[in-house]
C-alpha atoms as a PDB file:
ATOM      1  CA  MET A   1      11.076  76.621 -49.587  1.00  0.00           C
ATOM      2  CA  SER A   2      11.393  77.136 -45.864  1.00  0.00           C
ATOM      3  CA  GLN A   3       8.698  76.145 -43.415  1.00  0.00           C
ATOM      4  CA  GLN A   4       6.052  78.846 -43.769  1.00  0.00           C
ATOM      5  CA  PRO A   5       4.420  80.536 -40.781  1.00  0.00           C
ATOM      6  CA  ASN A   6       1.703  78.418 -39.204  1.00  0.00           C
ATOM      7  CA  SER A   7       2.186  75.612 -41.734  1.00  0.00           C
ATOM      8  CA  PRO A   8       1.251  72.325 -40.064  1.00  0.00           C
ATOM      9  CA  LEU A   9       4.116  69.923 -39.545  1.00  0.00           C
ATOM     10  CA  PRO A  10       3.733  66.332 -40.727  1.00  0.00           C
ATOM     11  CA  PRO A  11       2.694  64.122 -37.799  1.00  0.00           C
ATOM     12  CA  LEU A  12       5.588  62.972 -35.598  1.00  0.00           C
ATOM     13  CA  THR A  13       8.190  64.989 -37.483  1.00  0.00           C
ATOM     14  CA  VAL A  14      11.620  63.705 -36.391  1.00  0.00           C
ATOM     15  CA  GLY A  15      14.366  66.264 -35.918  1.00  0.00           C
ATOM     16  CA  VAL A  16      17.220  67.513 -33.734  1.00  0.00           C
ATOM     17  CA  CYS A  17      17.654  70.349 -31.234  1.00  0.00           C
ATOM     18  CA  SER A  18      19.993  72.861 -32.861  1.00  0.00           C
ATOM     19  CA  TRP A  19      22.100  73.399 -29.713  1.00  0.00           C
ATOM     20  CA  SER A  20      22.769  69.676 -29.408  1.00  0.00           C
ATOM     21  CA  LEU A  21      24.949  69.929 -32.523  1.00  0.00           C
ATOM     22  CA  GLN A  22      26.972  72.844 -31.087  1.00  0.00           C
ATOM     23  CA  VAL A  23      26.648  74.787 -34.329  1.00  0.00           C
ATOM     24  CA  GLY A  24      27.598  78.413 -34.778  1.00  0.00           C
ATOM     25  CA  SER A  25      25.668  79.242 -37.938  1.00  0.00           C
ATOM     26  CA  VAL A  26      22.525  78.310 -39.817  1.00  0.00           C
ATOM     27  CA  GLU A  27      24.678  77.080 -42.698  1.00  0.00           C
ATOM     28  CA  GLU A  28      26.496  74.641 -40.386  1.00  0.00           C
ATOM     29  CA  LEU A  29      23.194  73.519 -38.881  1.00  0.00           C
ATOM     30  CA  LYS A  30      21.757  72.772 -42.312  1.00  0.00           C
ATOM     31  CA  ARG A  31      24.859  70.829 -43.341  1.00  0.00           C
ATOM     32  CA  LEU A  32      24.941  68.672 -40.223  1.00  0.00           C
ATOM     33  CA  LEU A  33      21.212  67.989 -40.323  1.00  0.00           C
ATOM     34  CA  GLY A  34      21.589  66.932 -43.940  1.00  0.00           C
ATOM     35  CA  ASP A  35      24.361  64.551 -42.948  1.00  0.00           C
ATOM     36  CA  LEU A  36      22.021  63.119 -40.312  1.00  0.00           C
ATOM     37  CA  GLY A  37      19.211  62.622 -42.806  1.00  0.00           C
ATOM     38  CA  THR A  38      16.722  65.109 -41.389  1.00  0.00           C
ATOM     39  CA  ASN A  39      15.601  68.612 -42.246  1.00  0.00           C
ATOM     40  CA  ALA A  40      13.799  69.412 -38.996  1.00  0.00           C
ATOM     41  CA  THR A  41      15.082  71.270 -35.962  1.00  0.00           C
ATOM     42  CA  GLN A  42      13.927  72.983 -32.813  1.00  0.00           C
ATOM     43  CA  ILE A  43      16.047  76.088 -32.992  1.00  0.00           C
ATOM     44  CA  ALA A  44      17.704  78.094 -30.215  1.00  0.00           C
ATOM     45  CA  CYS A  45      16.577  81.717 -30.124  1.00  0.00           C
ATOM     46  CA  GLY A  46      20.161  82.887 -29.895  1.00  0.00           C
ATOM     47  CA  ASP A  47      20.871  83.797 -26.306  1.00  0.00           C
ATOM     48  CA  PRO A  48      24.693  83.808 -26.057  1.00  0.00           C
ATOM     49  CA  HIS A  49      24.503  81.941 -22.748  1.00  0.00           C
ATOM     50  CA  HIS A  50      22.510  79.139 -24.367  1.00  0.00           C
ATOM     51  CA  ALA A  51      23.441  78.962 -28.053  1.00  0.00           C
ATOM     52  CA  SER A  52      24.625  81.928 -30.093  1.00  0.00           C
ATOM     53  CA  TRP A  53      24.507  82.444 -33.863  1.00  0.00           C
ATOM     54  CA  SER A  54      27.123  84.086 -36.052  1.00  0.00           C
ATOM     55  CA  GLU A  55      24.249  85.666 -38.002  1.00  0.00           C
ATOM     56  CA  GLY A  56      23.197  87.630 -34.899  1.00  0.00           C
ATOM     57  CA  ASP A  57      20.015  89.579 -35.496  1.00  0.00           C
ATOM     58  CA  ASP A  58      19.902  88.231 -39.060  1.00  0.00           C
ATOM     59  CA  MET A  59      19.531  84.639 -37.838  1.00  0.00           C
ATOM     60  CA  PRO A  60      15.735  84.449 -38.296  1.00  0.00           C
ATOM     61  CA  GLU A  61      15.981  85.585 -41.905  1.00  0.00           C
ATOM     62  CA  ALA A  62      18.803  83.115 -42.576  1.00  0.00           C
ATOM     63  CA  ALA A  63      16.855  80.276 -40.942  1.00  0.00           C
ATOM     64  CA  ARG A  64      13.717  81.001 -42.934  1.00  0.00           C
ATOM     65  CA  ALA A  65      15.708  81.120 -46.163  1.00  0.00           C
ATOM     66  CA  SER A  66      17.595  77.907 -45.413  1.00  0.00           C
ATOM     67  CA  GLY A  67      14.895  75.424 -46.347  1.00  0.00           C
ATOM     68  CA  LEU A  68      14.987  73.904 -42.863  1.00  0.00           C
ATOM     69  CA  THR A  69      11.772  72.783 -41.179  1.00  0.00           C
ATOM     70  CA  LEU A  70      11.621  74.650 -37.885  1.00  0.00           C
ATOM     71  CA  THR A  71       9.505  72.872 -35.269  1.00  0.00           C
ATOM     72  CA  GLY A  72       9.735  75.582 -32.611  1.00  0.00           C
ATOM     73  CA  ALA A  73      12.096  77.973 -30.842  1.00  0.00           C
ATOM     74  CA  MET A  74      13.900  77.504 -27.508  1.00  0.00           C
ATOM     75  CA  LEU A  75      14.808  80.222 -25.007  1.00  0.00           C
ATOM     76  CA  GLY A  76      17.558  80.034 -22.390  1.00  0.00           C
ATOM     77  CA  PHE A  77      17.965  82.797 -19.813  1.00  0.00           C
ATOM     78  CA  PRO A  78      21.307  84.409 -18.962  1.00  0.00           C
ATOM     79  CA  GLY A  79      22.372  83.383 -15.471  1.00  0.00           C
ATOM     80  CA  GLU A  80      20.844  79.913 -15.409  1.00  0.00           C
ATOM     81  CA  ASP A  81      23.367  77.656 -13.665  1.00  0.00           C
ATOM     82  CA  TYR A  82      23.097  73.893 -14.209  1.00  0.00           C
ATOM     83  CA  THR A  83      26.148  72.969 -12.121  1.00  0.00           C
ATOM     84  CA  THR A  84      23.982  71.136  -9.587  1.00  0.00           C
ATOM     85  CA  PRO A  85      20.227  70.633  -9.076  1.00  0.00           C
ATOM     86  CA  GLN A  86      20.490  73.173  -6.270  1.00  0.00           C
ATOM     87  CA  THR A  87      22.086  75.889  -8.440  1.00  0.00           C
ATOM     88  CA  ILE A  88      19.470  75.533 -11.162  1.00  0.00           C
ATOM     89  CA  GLN A  89      16.691  75.580  -8.578  1.00  0.00           C
ATOM     90  CA  ALA A  90      18.036  78.950  -7.436  1.00  0.00           C
ATOM     91  CA  THR A  91      18.645  80.382 -10.926  1.00  0.00           C
ATOM     92  CA  GLY A  92      16.302  78.626 -13.375  1.00  0.00           C
ATOM     93  CA  GLY A  93      13.458  80.238 -15.275  1.00  0.00           C
ATOM     94  CA  PHE A  94      11.217  82.573 -13.295  1.00  0.00           C
ATOM     95  CA  GLY A  95      11.988  80.952  -9.949  1.00  0.00           C
ATOM     96  CA  ASP A  96      13.950  83.850  -8.431  1.00  0.00           C
ATOM     97  CA  PRO A  97      11.658  86.850  -7.832  1.00  0.00           C
ATOM     98  CA  ALA A  98      14.634  89.204  -8.204  1.00  0.00           C
ATOM     99  CA  THR A  99      15.234  88.209 -11.838  1.00  0.00           C
ATOM    100  CA  ARG A 100      11.599  88.035 -12.986  1.00  0.00           C
ATOM    101  CA  PRO A 101      11.344  91.562 -14.439  1.00  0.00           C
ATOM    102  CA  GLU A 102      14.469  91.215 -16.614  1.00  0.00           C
ATOM    103  CA  ARG A 103      13.465  87.697 -17.674  1.00  0.00           C
ATOM    104  CA  LEU A 104      10.012  88.853 -18.704  1.00  0.00           C
ATOM    105  CA  GLU A 105      11.796  91.437 -20.862  1.00  0.00           C
ATOM    106  CA  ARG A 106      13.936  88.661 -22.332  1.00  0.00           C
ATOM    107  CA  LEU A 107      10.787  86.646 -22.942  1.00  0.00           C
ATOM    108  CA  ALA A 108       9.285  89.566 -24.866  1.00  0.00           C
ATOM    109  CA  TRP A 109      12.387  89.567 -27.084  1.00  0.00           C
ATOM    110  CA  ALA A 110      12.102  85.800 -27.590  1.00  0.00           C
ATOM    111  CA  ILE A 111       8.421  86.031 -28.504  1.00  0.00           C
ATOM    112  CA  ASP A 112       9.288  88.537 -31.223  1.00  0.00           C
ATOM    113  CA  ARG A 113      12.160  86.352 -32.423  1.00  0.00           C
ATOM    114  CA  THR A 114       9.834  83.338 -32.533  1.00  0.00           C
ATOM    115  CA  LEU A 115       7.510  85.262 -34.821  1.00  0.00           C
ATOM    116  CA  ALA A 116      10.463  86.452 -36.914  1.00  0.00           C
ATOM    117  CA  LEU A 117      11.348  82.782 -37.428  1.00  0.00           C
ATOM    118  CA  GLY A 118       7.865  82.193 -38.799  1.00  0.00           C
ATOM    119  CA  LEU A 119       6.941  80.157 -35.727  1.00  0.00           C
ATOM    120  CA  THR A 120       4.259  80.269 -33.061  1.00  0.00           C
ATOM    121  CA  ASP A 121       5.759  77.847 -30.482  1.00  0.00           C
ATOM    122  CA  LEU A 122       8.365  78.912 -27.910  1.00  0.00           C
ATOM    123  CA  MET A 123       9.865  76.468 -25.397  1.00  0.00           C
ATOM    124  CA  LEU A 124      11.524  77.405 -22.107  1.00  0.00           C
ATOM    125  CA  HIS A 125      12.167  76.271 -18.539  1.00  0.00           C
ATOM    126  CA  ALA A 126       9.606  77.921 -16.282  1.00  0.00           C
ATOM    127  CA  GLY A 127      11.723  77.320 -13.197  1.00  0.00           C
ATOM    128  CA  PHE A 128      10.978  75.160 -10.169  1.00  0.00           C
ATOM    129  CA  LEU A 129       7.256  75.254  -9.412  1.00  0.00           C
ATOM    130  CA  PRO A 130       6.317  75.720  -5.756  1.00  0.00           C
ATOM    131  CA  GLU A 131       4.091  73.044  -4.266  1.00  0.00           C
ATOM    132  CA  ALA A 132       0.514  73.743  -3.215  1.00  0.00           C
ATOM    133  CA  GLY A 133       0.602  75.621   0.082  1.00  0.00           C
ATOM    134  CA  ASP A 134       4.056  77.078  -0.531  1.00  0.00           C
ATOM    135  CA  PRO A 135       3.937  80.838   0.229  1.00  0.00           C
ATOM    136  CA  GLY A 136       5.805  81.554  -3.009  1.00  0.00           C
ATOM    137  CA  ARG A 137       3.359  79.719  -5.251  1.00  0.00           C
ATOM    138  CA  LYS A 138       0.944  82.581  -5.933  1.00  0.00           C
ATOM    139  CA  SER A 139       3.629  85.033  -7.077  1.00  0.00           C
ATOM    140  CA  MET A 140       5.199  82.354  -9.304  1.00  0.00           C
ATOM    141  CA  LEU A 141       1.841  81.536 -10.891  1.00  0.00           C
ATOM    142  CA  ASP A 142       1.152  85.238 -11.363  1.00  0.00           C
ATOM    143  CA  THR A 143       4.454  85.531 -13.241  1.00  0.00           C
ATOM    144  CA  LEU A 144       3.686  82.507 -15.438  1.00  0.00           C
ATOM    145  CA  ALA A 145       0.226  83.919 -16.149  1.00  0.00           C
ATOM    146  CA  LYS A 146       1.836  87.203 -17.194  1.00  0.00           C
ATOM    147  CA  ALA A 147       4.238  85.297 -19.472  1.00  0.00           C
ATOM    148  CA  GLY A 148       1.311  83.444 -21.003  1.00  0.00           C
ATOM    149  CA  GLN A 149      -0.582  86.685 -21.547  1.00  0.00           C
ATOM    150  CA  MET A 150       2.417  88.307 -23.245  1.00  0.00           C
ATOM    151  CA  ALA A 151       2.673  85.355 -25.611  1.00  0.00           C
ATOM    152  CA  ALA A 152      -1.068  85.122 -26.237  1.00  0.00           C
ATOM    153  CA  GLU A 153      -1.225  88.770 -27.265  1.00  0.00           C
ATOM    154  CA  LYS A 154       1.070  87.900 -30.171  1.00  0.00           C
ATOM    155  CA  GLY A 155      -0.398  84.502 -30.985  1.00  0.00           C
ATOM    156  CA  VAL A 156       2.456  82.486 -29.478  1.00  0.00           C
ATOM    157  CA  THR A 157       2.182  79.269 -27.459  1.00  0.00           C
ATOM    158  CA  LEU A 158       4.628  78.818 -24.562  1.00  0.00           C
ATOM    159  CA  ALA A 159       5.649  75.247 -23.731  1.00  0.00           C
ATOM    160  CA  PHE A 160       7.256  74.684 -20.326  1.00  0.00           C
ATOM    161  CA  GLU A 161       9.901  71.973 -20.224  1.00  0.00           C
ATOM    162  CA  THR A 162       9.395  69.071 -17.839  1.00  0.00           C
ATOM    163  CA  GLY A 163      11.839  67.877 -15.235  1.00  0.00           C
ATOM    164  CA  GLN A 164      12.079  70.053 -12.162  1.00  0.00           C
ATOM    165  CA  GLU A 165       8.727  68.957 -10.776  1.00  0.00           C
ATOM    166  CA  THR A 166       6.520  65.881 -10.815  1.00  0.00           C
ATOM    167  CA  ALA A 167       3.996  65.529 -13.604  1.00  0.00           C
ATOM    168  CA  LEU A 168       1.195  65.846 -11.063  1.00  0.00           C
ATOM    169  CA  LEU A 169       2.513  69.214  -9.865  1.00  0.00           C
ATOM    170  CA  LEU A 170       2.872  70.468 -13.446  1.00  0.00           C
ATOM    171  CA  ARG A 171      -0.626  69.171 -14.236  1.00  0.00           C
ATOM    172  CA  MET A 172      -2.064  71.011 -11.218  1.00  0.00           C
ATOM    173  CA  THR A 173      -0.198  74.184 -12.192  1.00  0.00           C
ATOM    174  CA  LEU A 174      -1.512  74.168 -15.757  1.00  0.00           C
ATOM    175  CA  ASP A 175      -5.015  73.528 -14.437  1.00  0.00           C
ATOM    176  CA  ASP A 176      -4.669  76.437 -11.990  1.00  0.00           C
ATOM    177  CA  LEU A 177      -3.383  78.802 -14.693  1.00  0.00           C
ATOM    178  CA  LYS A 178      -6.169  77.942 -17.151  1.00  0.00           C
ATOM    179  CA  SER A 179      -4.211  79.570 -19.994  1.00  0.00           C
ATOM    180  CA  PRO A 180      -4.940  77.865 -23.329  1.00  0.00           C
ATOM    181  CA  ASN A 181      -1.554  78.891 -24.761  1.00  0.00           C
ATOM    182  CA  LEU A 182       0.527  77.413 -21.903  1.00  0.00           C
ATOM    183  CA  LYS A 183       1.584  73.883 -22.822  1.00  0.00           C
ATOM    184  CA  VAL A 184       4.346  71.318 -22.207  1.00  0.00           C
ATOM    185  CA  ASN A 185       7.663  70.603 -23.881  1.00  0.00           C
ATOM    186  CA  PHE A 186       8.103  67.035 -22.652  1.00  0.00           C
ATOM    187  CA  ASP A 187      11.606  65.780 -21.830  1.00  0.00           C
ATOM    188  CA  PRO A 188      11.524  62.283 -20.310  1.00  0.00           C
ATOM    189  CA  ALA A 189      15.214  62.287 -19.403  1.00  0.00           C
ATOM    190  CA  ASN A 190      14.880  65.449 -17.324  1.00  0.00           C
ATOM    191  CA  MET A 191      12.394  63.689 -15.074  1.00  0.00           C
ATOM    192  CA  LEU A 192      15.040  61.041 -14.395  1.00  0.00           C
ATOM    193  CA  LEU A 193      17.929  63.504 -14.075  1.00  0.00           C
ATOM    194  CA  TYR A 194      15.997  65.386 -11.383  1.00  0.00           C
ATOM    195  CA  ASP A 195      14.491  62.136 -10.021  1.00  0.00           C
ATOM    196  CA  MET A 196      10.958  63.461 -10.387  1.00  0.00           C
ATOM    197  CA  GLY A 197       8.984  60.383 -11.305  1.00  0.00           C
ATOM    198  CA  ASP A 198       8.162  57.943 -14.075  1.00  0.00           C
ATOM    199  CA  PRO A 199       8.237  59.591 -17.522  1.00  0.00           C
ATOM    200  CA  ILE A 200       5.862  57.010 -18.994  1.00  0.00           C
ATOM    201  CA  HIS A 201       3.216  57.724 -16.371  1.00  0.00           C
ATOM    202  CA  ALA A 202       3.881  61.436 -16.867  1.00  0.00           C
ATOM    203  CA  VAL A 203       2.906  61.144 -20.546  1.00  0.00           C
ATOM    204  CA  GLU A 204      -0.476  59.847 -19.449  1.00  0.00           C
ATOM    205  CA  ILE A 205      -0.921  62.705 -16.959  1.00  0.00           C
ATOM    206  CA  LEU A 206       0.195  65.498 -19.313  1.00  0.00           C
ATOM    207  CA  GLY A 207      -0.738  63.996 -22.693  1.00  0.00           C
ATOM    208  CA  PRO A 208      -3.375  66.516 -23.860  1.00  0.00           C
ATOM    209  CA  ASP A 209      -1.008  69.432 -23.205  1.00  0.00           C
ATOM    210  CA  ILE A 210       2.204  68.006 -24.676  1.00  0.00           C
ATOM    211  CA  ARG A 211       3.120  70.371 -27.496  1.00  0.00           C
ATOM    212  CA  SER A 212       6.592  69.094 -28.365  1.00  0.00           C
ATOM    213  CA  VAL A 213       9.039  66.430 -27.180  1.00  0.00           C
ATOM    214  CA  HIS A 214      12.775  66.354 -26.520  1.00  0.00           C
ATOM    215  CA  VAL A 215      13.735  62.720 -27.045  1.00  0.00           C
ATOM    216  CA  LYS A 216      16.536  62.162 -24.541  1.00  0.00           C
ATOM    217  CA  ASP A 217      17.576  59.316 -22.217  1.00  0.00           C
ATOM    218  CA  ALA A 218      19.070  59.213 -18.728  1.00  0.00           C
ATOM    219  CA  ILE A 219      19.710  57.217 -15.568  1.00  0.00           C
ATOM    220  CA  ARG A 220      18.389  58.333 -12.195  1.00  0.00           C
ATOM    221  CA  PRO A 221      20.835  59.664  -9.603  1.00  0.00           C
ATOM    222  CA  THR A 222      22.120  57.166  -7.075  1.00  0.00           C
ATOM    223  CA  ILE A 223      22.698  59.864  -4.440  1.00  0.00           C
ATOM    224  CA  PRO A 224      19.772  62.135  -3.542  1.00  0.00           C
ATOM    225  CA  GLY A 225      20.335  65.756  -4.451  1.00  0.00           C
ATOM    226  CA  GLN A 226      22.838  65.002  -7.214  1.00  0.00           C
ATOM    227  CA  TRP A 227      22.327  64.843 -10.966  1.00  0.00           C
ATOM    228  CA  GLY A 228      21.436  61.671 -12.756  1.00  0.00           C
ATOM    229  CA  GLN A 229      23.409  60.749 -15.868  1.00  0.00           C
ATOM    230  CA  GLU A 230      22.402  61.608 -19.433  1.00  0.00           C
ATOM    231  CA  VAL A 231      23.118  58.726 -21.825  1.00  0.00           C
ATOM    232  CA  PRO A 232      22.534  57.982 -25.525  1.00  0.00           C
ATOM    233  CA  LEU A 233      19.003  57.011 -26.525  1.00  0.00           C
ATOM    234  CA  GLY A 234      18.155  53.455 -25.606  1.00  0.00           C
ATOM    235  CA  GLN A 235      20.891  53.132 -22.973  1.00  0.00           C
ATOM    236  CA  GLY A 236      18.990  54.689 -20.062  1.00  0.00           C
ATOM    237  CA  GLN A 237      15.903  54.153 -17.956  1.00  0.00           C
ATOM    238  CA  VAL A 238      13.324  55.969 -20.076  1.00  0.00           C
ATOM    239  CA  ASP A 239      12.571  52.862 -22.177  1.00  0.00           C
ATOM    240  CA  ILE A 240      12.483  54.821 -25.432  1.00  0.00           C
ATOM    241  CA  PRO A 241      10.407  52.290 -27.457  1.00  0.00           C
ATOM    242  CA  ARG A 242       7.705  52.212 -24.771  1.00  0.00           C
ATOM    243  CA  PHE A 243       7.889  55.986 -24.336  1.00  0.00           C
ATOM    244  CA  LEU A 244       7.246  56.539 -28.047  1.00  0.00           C
ATOM    245  CA  ARG A 245       4.458  53.953 -28.084  1.00  0.00           C
ATOM    246  CA  THR A 246       2.789  55.685 -25.152  1.00  0.00           C
ATOM    247  CA  LEU A 247       3.041  59.107 -26.796  1.00  0.00           C
ATOM    248  CA  ARG A 248       1.370  57.770 -29.909  1.00  0.00           C
ATOM    249  CA  ALA A 249      -1.234  55.874 -27.897  1.00  0.00           C
ATOM    250  CA  VAL A 250      -2.365  59.046 -26.084  1.00  0.00           C
ATOM    251  CA  GLY A 251      -2.750  60.794 -29.428  1.00  0.00           C
ATOM    252  CA  TYR A 252       0.450  62.830 -29.624  1.00  0.00           C
ATOM    253  CA  THR A 253       1.296  63.836 -33.198  1.00  0.00           C
ATOM    254  CA  GLY A 254       3.773  66.699 -32.645  1.00  0.00           C
ATOM    255  CA  PRO A 255       7.517  66.824 -33.319  1.00  0.00           C
ATOM    256  CA  LEU A 256      10.060  64.419 -31.838  1.00  0.00           C
ATOM    257  CA  VAL A 257      13.395  66.216 -31.572  1.00  0.00           C
ATOM    258  CA  VAL A 258      16.525  64.479 -30.342  1.00  0.00           C
ATOM    259  CA  GLU A 259      18.442  66.364 -27.650  1.00  0.00           C
ATOM    260  CA  ARG A 260      22.002  65.486 -26.590  1.00  0.00           C
ATOM    261  CA  GLU A 261      23.799  67.757 -24.144  1.00  0.00           C
ATOM    262  CA  VAL A 262      26.866  65.724 -23.193  1.00  0.00           C
ATOM    263  CA  GLY A 263      30.168  65.282 -25.043  1.00  0.00           C
ATOM    264  CA  ASN A 264      32.059  67.031 -27.816  1.00  0.00           C
ATOM    265  CA  GLN A 265      30.534  67.804 -31.190  1.00  0.00           C
ATOM    266  CA  ALA A 266      31.693  64.608 -32.878  1.00  0.00           C
ATOM    267  CA  GLY A 267      30.408  62.478 -30.021  1.00  0.00           C
ATOM    268  CA  ARG A 268      27.081  64.278 -29.969  1.00  0.00           C
ATOM    269  CA  ILE A 269      26.619  63.839 -33.707  1.00  0.00           C
ATOM    270  CA  ALA A 270      27.289  60.111 -33.411  1.00  0.00           C
ATOM    271  CA  ASP A 271      24.826  59.809 -30.517  1.00  0.00           C
ATOM    272  CA  VAL A 272      22.191  61.856 -32.348  1.00  0.00           C
ATOM    273  CA  ARG A 273      22.565  59.667 -35.442  1.00  0.00           C
ATOM    274  CA  HIS A 274      22.052  56.582 -33.291  1.00  0.00           C
ATOM    275  CA  GLY A 275      19.022  58.230 -31.671  1.00  0.00           C
ATOM    276  CA  LEU A 276      17.402  59.158 -34.964  1.00  0.00           C
ATOM    277  CA  ASP A 277      17.796  55.584 -36.191  1.00  0.00           C
ATOM    278  CA  LEU A 278      16.204  54.252 -32.987  1.00  0.00           C
ATOM    279  CA  ILE A 279      13.232  56.621 -33.239  1.00  0.00           C
ATOM    280  CA  ARG A 280      12.599  55.701 -36.858  1.00  0.00           C
ATOM    281  CA  ARG A 281      12.666  52.000 -36.031  1.00  0.00           C
ATOM    282  CA  CYS A 282      10.234  52.549 -33.163  1.00  0.00           C
ATOM    283  CA  LEU A 283       7.836  54.584 -35.295  1.00  0.00           C
ATOM    284  CA  ALA A 284       7.725  51.764 -37.830  1.00  0.00           C
ATOM    285  CA  GLU A 285       6.205  49.483 -35.178  1.00  0.00           C
ATOM    286  CA  PRO A 286       2.417  49.335 -34.603  1.00  0.00           C
ATOM    287  CA  VAL A 287       0.846  50.818 -31.483  1.00  0.00           C
ATOM    288  CA  GLN A 288      -1.249  48.512 -29.307  1.00  0.00           C
ATOM    289  CA  PRO A 289      -4.332  49.689 -27.343  1.00  0.00           C
ATOM    290  CA  ALA A 290      -2.684  48.533 -24.097  1.00  0.00           C
ATOM    291  CA  ASP A 291      -0.015  51.174 -24.596  1.00  0.00           C
ATOM    292  CA  ALA A 292      -2.537  53.829 -23.510  1.00  0.00           C
ATOM    293  CA  THR A 293      -3.786  52.378 -20.236  1.00  0.00           C
ATOM    294  CA  PRO A 294      -3.656  55.281 -17.752  1.00  0.00           C
ATOM    295  CA  GLY A 295      -1.801  54.827 -14.520  1.00  0.00           C
ATOM    296  CA  VAL A 296      -0.398  51.350 -15.014  1.00  0.00           C
ATOM    297  CA  HIS A 297       3.222  52.304 -15.608  1.00  0.00           C
ATOM    298  CA  GLY A 298       4.249  52.973 -12.014  1.00  0.00           C
ATOM    299  CA  SER A 299       3.875  56.057  -9.877  1.00  0.00           C
ATOM    300  CA  GLU A 300       5.733  59.263  -9.343  1.00  0.00           C
ATOM    301  CA  LYS A 301       8.142  59.667  -6.510  1.00  0.00           C
ATOM    302  CA  PRO A 302       7.099  62.399  -4.084  1.00  0.00           C
ATOM    303  CA  ARG A 303       9.461  65.319  -3.748  1.00  0.00           C
ATOM    304  CA  GLY A 304      11.398  65.455  -0.514  1.00  0.00           C
END
């Protein structure tokens, strides 16, 4: 049987982001996940600019019939350009006022596709959040509130991916929006790739609103304004064992999905396999009370 709508996932379900495996069909996804020893996946909605499916509009039906455990859906917008931090700041999410209307339309499509998949969680990049006092902040928050309302009307939770801003700015934004269905898809590596603070401390700041987690590792950039480097789990600066301990210590019980966005398919599969093994070893270790001491794991770097 496939994962049924609204069925609770087992705590700390370990899976893989579908796009990390560079698959073209649900059948290929199921085969590769089976080879990796997991049945769980956060699945791409199917935007051709992010990750397309040979099943097209029939993908949700194929996914539900596949027996896979779907932990959530992921939306990518056409036109998002990750060439440099500057290009994604200009093109990511709802950041550009000129693209907001068409992207809200795309969001409406993705909300319906999420429901067609039997899911109620949709992940996406909100775009760079303006700081307090920025003249563009109000219109951006109005757009995010509209997105949250669209999702809430259909019983869907939106989870904004971390990375482009500090955890404190995202925390303030969620508090300002006061929308119970706006949550966080936590990616610790993104915070390093953008050089936006300490991901361990960020878990403590965002913990109650973390809905899902991309388990990914990275090294901070050595030159300001350039990308950091994504690396296999355990080889970067996240400190994956401590990251997982901290998540558990703050009470997180949602899915842990490995994401790998560098290399060819064979290389990604090897790195994902290594990552799954590392996560399972970490989850077998006990959590200590000291792992949930707020604010002791360093501080965020201010933007600028």
